[in-house]
Amino acid sequence: MRVALVTNKLPHHKYWAYMLWKKFDVKLILHPKNNNFIERIKSKRLLRKGYRKFVAKILSFVFNSLYPSSLQNSLNRAEKFLFTDYIDRYNEMPEKIKKDVSTVNCQSSVELIKDNKIDVICFLGGEIAKKDFIDSPRKISLNYHSGFSPFYNGSKTIFHSVSDSKPNYSGGTLMAINEKIDGGNILAHYLPSINEKDTATSLFMKGIVGSVKLYYLILTSIIKNKQVLGLPQGKPLKYVTNLDWNISKDIQLYKFESSRSIINFTRKEKIIFYPLNKGKTLDLNYLEKLVS
């Protein structure tokens, strides 16, 4: 089975790519172009929800730039501590399979998938794909969402769940991709272990390790010619955008983590697998019991 990966270039993305390349027949790794800071700001359309939210977002940028214990600085430290070794391992992988592309949605990216006879595309980050690219592999396109769908969909969902004092809803979701953001059929859920020393950052990083476990399960099933239809998730119960993370969320997260209330939510790691569930629906009551 011929696999293509779509991801970015942070250390945790390189860890993920290396781990899948080591296990499966990865023929392509596509890296969509990263816009510069000004372009990223423009793309987020910060004024679309009014000046008050715009100011709150700018204050979050400032806080995360200056405060040593901020979320962004915590993420940067965790990247270096956990995944730095994988930068060298990634660099040792064949250069011919690594492709920088302007976007996965251009015709040349679609042709790369078809010319290399890719069976499955796997996403971790990357960018939002459109129909032509989603439909370009011979079997299926998959995405790992760092959030517990459909309870938390969108951007920074693990951090939202912790700042909402609901760290038990931190997790990840492997889904088939459709044109709706985080809206495809759910194939598997990953719930990281939680201990009294965990933070939103550590739970996010555990989810990256969990993403590899879920991809191992699903890709192995596909290799065995098993169908992986998954379960439709319906309307997300909470959908958050990049604009919804602002200075108030930074403060909420800081207060929760400082209180060490996470000790009330300890649990063991859980993997929930939905390989073939035609005609069934996602049981939200069952999922809520799993996280309680």
Protein backbone atom coordinates (compact mmCIF):
# COMPACT_ATOMS: atom_id res chain seq x y z
CA MET A 1 0.00 0.00 0.00
CA ARG A 2 1.47 3.30 -1.14
CA VAL A 3 1.12 6.15 1.35
CA ALA A 4 1.53 9.94 1.12
CA LEU A 5 1.87 12.20 4.15
CA VAL A 6 0.85 15.85 4.42
CA THR A 7 2.27 17.79 7.34
CA ASN A 8 4.28 20.81 8.48
CA LYS A 9 7.90 21.06 9.64
CA LEU A 10 7.85 21.46 13.41
CA PRO A 11 9.71 18.73 15.34
CA HIS A 12 6.48 16.91 16.25
CA HIS A 13 5.47 16.81 12.58
CA LYS A 14 8.86 15.31 11.71
CA TYR A 15 8.46 12.74 14.50
CA TRP A 16 5.08 11.74 13.08
CA ALA A 17 6.38 11.53 9.51
CA TYR A 18 9.40 9.47 10.54
CA MET A 19 7.34 7.02 12.60
CA LEU A 20 4.93 6.35 9.71
CA TRP A 21 7.73 6.16 7.14
CA LYS A 22 9.50 3.55 9.28
CA LYS A 23 6.40 1.34 9.41
CA PHE A 24 4.67 1.84 6.04
CA ASP A 25 5.49 2.33 2.35
CA VAL A 26 5.59 6.13 2.34
CA LYS A 27 6.22 7.40 -1.18
CA LEU A 28 5.60 11.13 -0.66
CA ILE A 29 5.75 13.69 2.12
CA LEU A 30 4.13 16.97 1.10
CA HIS A 31 4.91 20.17 3.00
CA PRO A 32 2.56 23.02 2.08
CA LYS A 33 4.13 26.47 2.06
CA ASN A 34 4.21 28.28 5.40
CA ASN A 35 3.20 31.92 5.01
CA ASN A 36 5.25 34.57 6.76
CA PHE A 37 3.95 36.20 9.94
CA ILE A 38 2.19 39.08 8.17
CA GLU A 39 0.48 36.75 5.70
CA ARG A 40 -0.67 34.49 8.53
CA ILE A 41 -2.16 37.47 10.37
CA LYS A 42 -3.99 38.55 7.22
CA SER A 43 -5.30 35.03 6.59
CA LYS A 44 -6.86 34.88 10.05
CA ARG A 45 -8.99 37.97 9.28
CA LEU A 46 -8.70 39.17 12.86
CA LEU A 47 -11.25 41.96 12.47
CA ARG A 48 -14.10 39.76 11.27
CA LYS A 49 -15.52 39.40 14.79
CA GLY A 50 -15.13 43.03 15.76
CA TYR A 51 -12.51 45.25 17.39
CA ARG A 52 -12.99 43.87 20.91
CA LYS A 53 -12.02 40.36 19.88
CA PHE A 54 -9.27 41.78 17.70
CA VAL A 55 -7.72 43.55 20.70
CA ALA A 56 -8.08 40.41 22.86
CA LYS A 57 -6.28 38.40 20.17
CA ILE A 58 -3.46 40.93 19.88
CA LEU A 59 -3.04 40.88 23.68
CA SER A 60 -2.74 37.09 23.46
CA PHE A 61 0.05 37.46 20.88
CA VAL A 62 1.88 39.86 23.19
CA PHE A 63 1.36 37.65 26.26
CA ASN A 64 2.64 34.57 24.43
CA SER A 65 5.67 36.45 23.15
CA LEU A 66 6.76 37.90 26.49
CA TYR A 67 5.58 35.64 29.32
CA PRO A 68 7.88 32.61 29.94
CA SER A 69 5.04 30.35 31.15
CA SER A 70 2.70 31.19 28.28
CA LEU A 71 1.16 28.48 26.13
CA GLN A 72 3.36 29.19 23.10
CA ASN A 73 6.58 29.16 25.12
CA SER A 74 5.46 25.96 26.83
CA LEU A 75 4.87 24.37 23.43
CA ASN A 76 8.28 25.50 22.17
CA ARG A 77 10.02 23.93 25.18
CA ALA A 78 8.07 20.68 24.82
CA GLU A 79 8.94 20.46 21.10
CA LYS A 80 12.64 20.73 21.89
CA PHE A 81 12.54 18.33 24.83
CA LEU A 82 10.44 15.58 23.24
CA PHE A 83 11.11 15.64 19.52
CA THR A 84 14.48 17.27 18.77
CA ASP A 85 16.09 13.87 18.08
CA TYR A 86 13.59 13.29 15.28
CA ILE A 87 14.85 16.26 13.30
CA ASP A 88 18.02 14.31 12.49
CA ARG A 89 16.08 11.11 11.87
CA TYR A 90 13.78 12.97 9.50
CA ASN A 91 16.78 14.44 7.70
CA GLU A 92 18.13 10.93 7.16
CA MET A 93 15.00 9.92 5.26
CA PRO A 94 15.22 9.93 1.42
CA GLU A 95 15.10 13.49 0.08
CA LYS A 96 13.36 12.37 -3.10
CA ILE A 97 10.10 11.68 -1.21
CA LYS A 98 9.98 15.14 0.43
CA LYS A 99 8.21 17.77 -1.60
CA ASP A 100 7.62 21.43 -0.74
CA VAL A 101 4.40 22.53 -2.45
CA SER A 102 2.68 25.90 -2.64
CA THR A 103 -0.56 24.20 -1.63
CA VAL A 104 -1.96 20.68 -1.71
CA ASN A 105 -4.89 22.06 -3.68
CA CYS A 106 -2.92 22.98 -6.81
CA GLN A 107 -3.02 20.73 -9.85
CA SER A 108 0.65 19.77 -9.49
CA SER A 109 -0.01 18.35 -6.00
CA VAL A 110 -2.94 16.31 -7.29
CA GLU A 111 -0.76 15.01 -10.11
CA LEU A 112 1.98 14.01 -7.64
CA ILE A 113 -0.53 11.82 -5.83
CA LYS A 114 -1.82 10.24 -9.03
CA ASP A 115 1.58 9.81 -10.69
CA ASN A 116 2.90 8.01 -7.58
CA LYS A 117 -0.21 5.81 -7.46
CA ILE A 118 -0.90 6.74 -3.85
CA ASP A 119 -3.49 4.60 -2.10
CA VAL A 120 -3.87 6.59 1.13
CA ILE A 121 -3.10 10.19 2.11
CA CYS A 122 -2.49 10.86 5.81
CA PHE A 123 -2.66 14.35 7.30
CA LEU A 124 -1.25 15.82 10.49
CA GLY A 125 -1.60 19.57 10.23
CA GLY A 126 -0.75 20.65 6.69
CA GLU A 127 -3.66 22.67 5.38
CA ILE A 128 -7.35 22.44 4.55
CA ALA A 129 -7.76 20.19 1.52
CA LYS A 130 -10.33 20.58 -1.23
CA LYS A 131 -12.25 17.93 -3.12
CA ASP A 132 -9.79 17.30 -5.97
CA PHE A 133 -6.96 16.53 -3.57
CA ILE A 134 -9.16 14.59 -1.13
CA ASP A 135 -10.32 12.35 -3.98
CA SER A 136 -6.89 11.94 -5.59
CA PRO A 137 -5.67 8.74 -3.80
CA ARG A 138 -6.91 5.35 -4.91
CA LYS A 139 -8.50 4.49 -1.54
CA ILE A 140 -8.95 7.22 1.08
CA SER A 141 -7.68 10.46 2.63
CA LEU A 142 -7.31 10.54 6.41
CA ASN A 143 -6.74 13.27 8.99
CA TYR A 144 -5.74 13.26 12.65
CA HIS A 145 -7.53 16.06 14.48
CA SER A 146 -5.94 17.08 17.78
CA GLY A 147 -9.28 17.27 19.52
CA PHE A 148 -12.02 14.98 20.80
CA SER A 149 -14.64 15.20 18.02
CA PRO A 150 -17.47 16.05 17.98
CA PHE A 151 -17.15 17.55 21.49
CA TYR A 152 -14.34 19.90 20.45
CA ASN A 153 -13.74 20.67 16.78
CA GLY A 154 -11.72 23.42 15.16
CA SER A 155 -8.48 25.05 16.32
CA LYS A 156 -6.50 24.61 19.58
CA THR A 157 -9.19 22.27 20.87
CA ILE A 158 -7.12 20.50 23.54
CA PHE A 159 -6.13 23.88 24.97
CA HIS A 160 -9.76 24.99 24.95
CA SER A 161 -10.85 21.86 26.79
CA VAL A 162 -8.26 22.39 29.54
CA SER A 163 -8.97 26.12 29.83
CA ASP A 164 -12.67 25.17 30.13
CA SER A 165 -11.68 23.02 33.16
CA LYS A 166 -12.48 19.89 31.13
CA PRO A 167 -9.07 18.23 30.58
CA ASN A 168 -10.85 14.88 30.40
CA TYR A 169 -12.16 15.99 26.99
CA SER A 170 -8.62 16.33 25.65
CA GLY A 171 -7.86 13.74 23.00
CA GLY A 172 -7.53 13.12 19.31
CA THR A 173 -9.68 11.87 16.45
CA LEU A 174 -8.70 10.01 13.30
CA MET A 175 -11.25 10.61 10.58
CA ALA A 176 -11.85 10.28 6.89
CA ILE A 177 -11.53 13.66 5.21
CA ASN A 178 -14.39 15.44 3.52
CA GLU A 179 -14.73 19.09 2.54
CA LYS A 180 -16.16 20.07 5.92
CA ILE A 181 -13.42 21.04 8.40
CA ASP A 182 -13.07 18.24 11.01
CA GLY A 183 -16.35 16.85 9.69
CA GLY A 184 -15.52 13.43 8.23
CA ASN A 185 -16.56 10.00 9.49
CA ILE A 186 -14.75 9.10 12.70
CA LEU A 187 -12.54 6.01 12.52
CA ALA A 188 -10.90 6.09 15.96
CA HIS A 189 -10.51 8.17 19.09
CA TYR A 190 -7.44 8.58 21.27
CA LEU A 191 -7.71 9.65 24.92
CA PRO A 192 -4.29 10.27 26.48
CA SER A 193 -3.50 9.24 30.01
CA ILE A 194 -3.82 12.07 32.52
CA ASN A 195 -1.73 12.41 35.65
CA GLU A 196 -1.34 15.12 38.24
CA LYS A 197 1.69 16.66 36.51
CA ASP A 198 0.03 17.06 33.11
CA THR A 199 -0.67 20.37 31.42
CA ALA A 200 -2.49 21.31 28.24
CA THR A 201 0.86 21.19 26.45
CA SER A 202 1.78 17.71 27.69
CA LEU A 203 -1.70 16.41 26.78
CA PHE A 204 -1.30 17.84 23.27
CA MET A 205 2.09 16.15 22.89
CA LYS A 206 0.70 12.85 24.17
CA GLY A 207 -1.92 13.19 21.46
CA ILE A 208 0.79 13.42 18.80
CA VAL A 209 2.20 10.10 20.02
CA GLY A 210 -1.37 8.78 20.05
CA SER A 211 -1.86 9.85 16.44
CA VAL A 212 0.84 7.39 15.39
CA LYS A 213 -0.93 4.60 17.28
CA LEU A 214 -4.23 5.35 15.55
CA TYR A 215 -2.63 5.53 12.11
CA TYR A 216 -0.93 2.19 12.76
CA LEU A 217 -4.34 0.64 13.51
CA ILE A 218 -6.15 2.10 10.52
CA LEU A 219 -3.41 1.65 7.92
CA THR A 220 -2.86 -1.94 9.03
CA SER A 221 -6.60 -2.57 8.60
CA ILE A 222 -6.53 -1.08 5.11
CA ILE A 223 -3.52 -3.23 4.18
CA LYS A 224 -5.58 -6.27 5.23
CA ASN A 225 -8.28 -5.10 2.78
CA LYS A 226 -10.70 -4.22 5.53
CA GLN A 227 -13.15 -1.39 4.96
CA VAL A 228 -12.86 1.55 7.31
CA LEU A 229 -16.12 3.42 6.94
CA GLY A 230 -16.25 4.88 10.44
CA LEU A 231 -19.15 6.71 12.04
CA PRO A 232 -20.73 10.00 10.97
CA GLN A 233 -20.22 12.57 13.71
CA GLY A 234 -22.98 15.02 12.89
CA LYS A 235 -22.86 18.62 14.07
CA PRO A 236 -19.92 19.48 16.38
CA LEU A 237 -20.98 20.17 19.95
CA LYS A 238 -18.35 22.92 20.19
CA TYR A 239 -16.50 24.50 17.28
CA VAL A 240 -13.70 26.96 18.03
CA THR A 241 -11.71 29.06 15.58
CA ASN A 242 -8.29 30.62 15.88
CA LEU A 243 -9.95 33.90 16.87
CA ASP A 244 -11.59 32.21 19.86
CA TRP A 245 -8.19 31.79 21.52
CA ASN A 246 -7.42 35.17 23.05
CA ILE A 247 -6.06 36.72 26.23
CA SER A 248 -9.05 35.57 28.30
CA LYS A 249 -8.37 31.95 27.32
CA ASP A 250 -4.68 32.39 28.22
CA ILE A 251 -5.74 33.59 31.66
CA GLN A 252 -8.27 30.78 32.11
CA LEU A 253 -5.64 28.20 31.16
CA TYR A 254 -3.08 29.72 33.53
CA LYS A 255 -5.57 29.71 36.43
CA PHE A 256 -6.60 26.10 35.85
CA GLU A 257 -3.06 24.79 35.54
CA SER A 258 -1.89 26.80 38.56
CA SER A 259 -4.68 25.34 40.69
CA ARG A 260 -3.47 21.78 39.93
CA SER A 261 -7.13 20.78 39.63
CA ILE A 262 -6.07 18.32 36.96
CA ILE A 263 -5.51 15.80 39.77
CA ASN A 264 -9.30 15.33 39.76
CA PHE A 265 -9.22 14.02 36.17
CA THR A 266 -6.54 11.31 36.22
CA ARG A 267 -7.09 8.33 33.93
CA LYS A 268 -5.32 5.69 31.84
CA GLU A 269 -4.78 5.91 28.09
CA LYS A 270 -7.75 4.78 25.97
CA ILE A 271 -8.11 3.93 22.28
CA ILE A 272 -11.57 3.54 20.74
CA PHE A 273 -11.60 1.96 17.29
CA TYR A 274 -14.51 2.03 14.82
CA PRO A 275 -13.24 0.00 11.86
CA LEU A 276 -16.54 -0.97 10.25
CA ASN A 277 -19.77 0.44 11.56
CA LYS A 278 -22.06 0.75 8.57
CA GLY A 279 -25.53 1.92 9.54
CA LYS A 280 -24.52 2.85 13.09
CA THR A 281 -24.17 6.29 14.64
CA LEU A 282 -21.73 7.75 17.12
CA ASP A 283 -22.91 7.07 20.69
CA LEU A 284 -22.25 10.35 22.50
CA ASN A 285 -23.47 8.99 25.82
CA TYR A 286 -20.93 6.19 25.59
CA LEU A 287 -18.15 8.65 24.81
CA GLU A 288 -19.11 10.90 27.73
CA LYS A 289 -18.90 7.90 30.05
CA LEU A 290 -15.40 7.15 28.73
CA VAL A 291 -14.14 10.60 29.65
CA SER A 292 -15.97 10.93 32.98
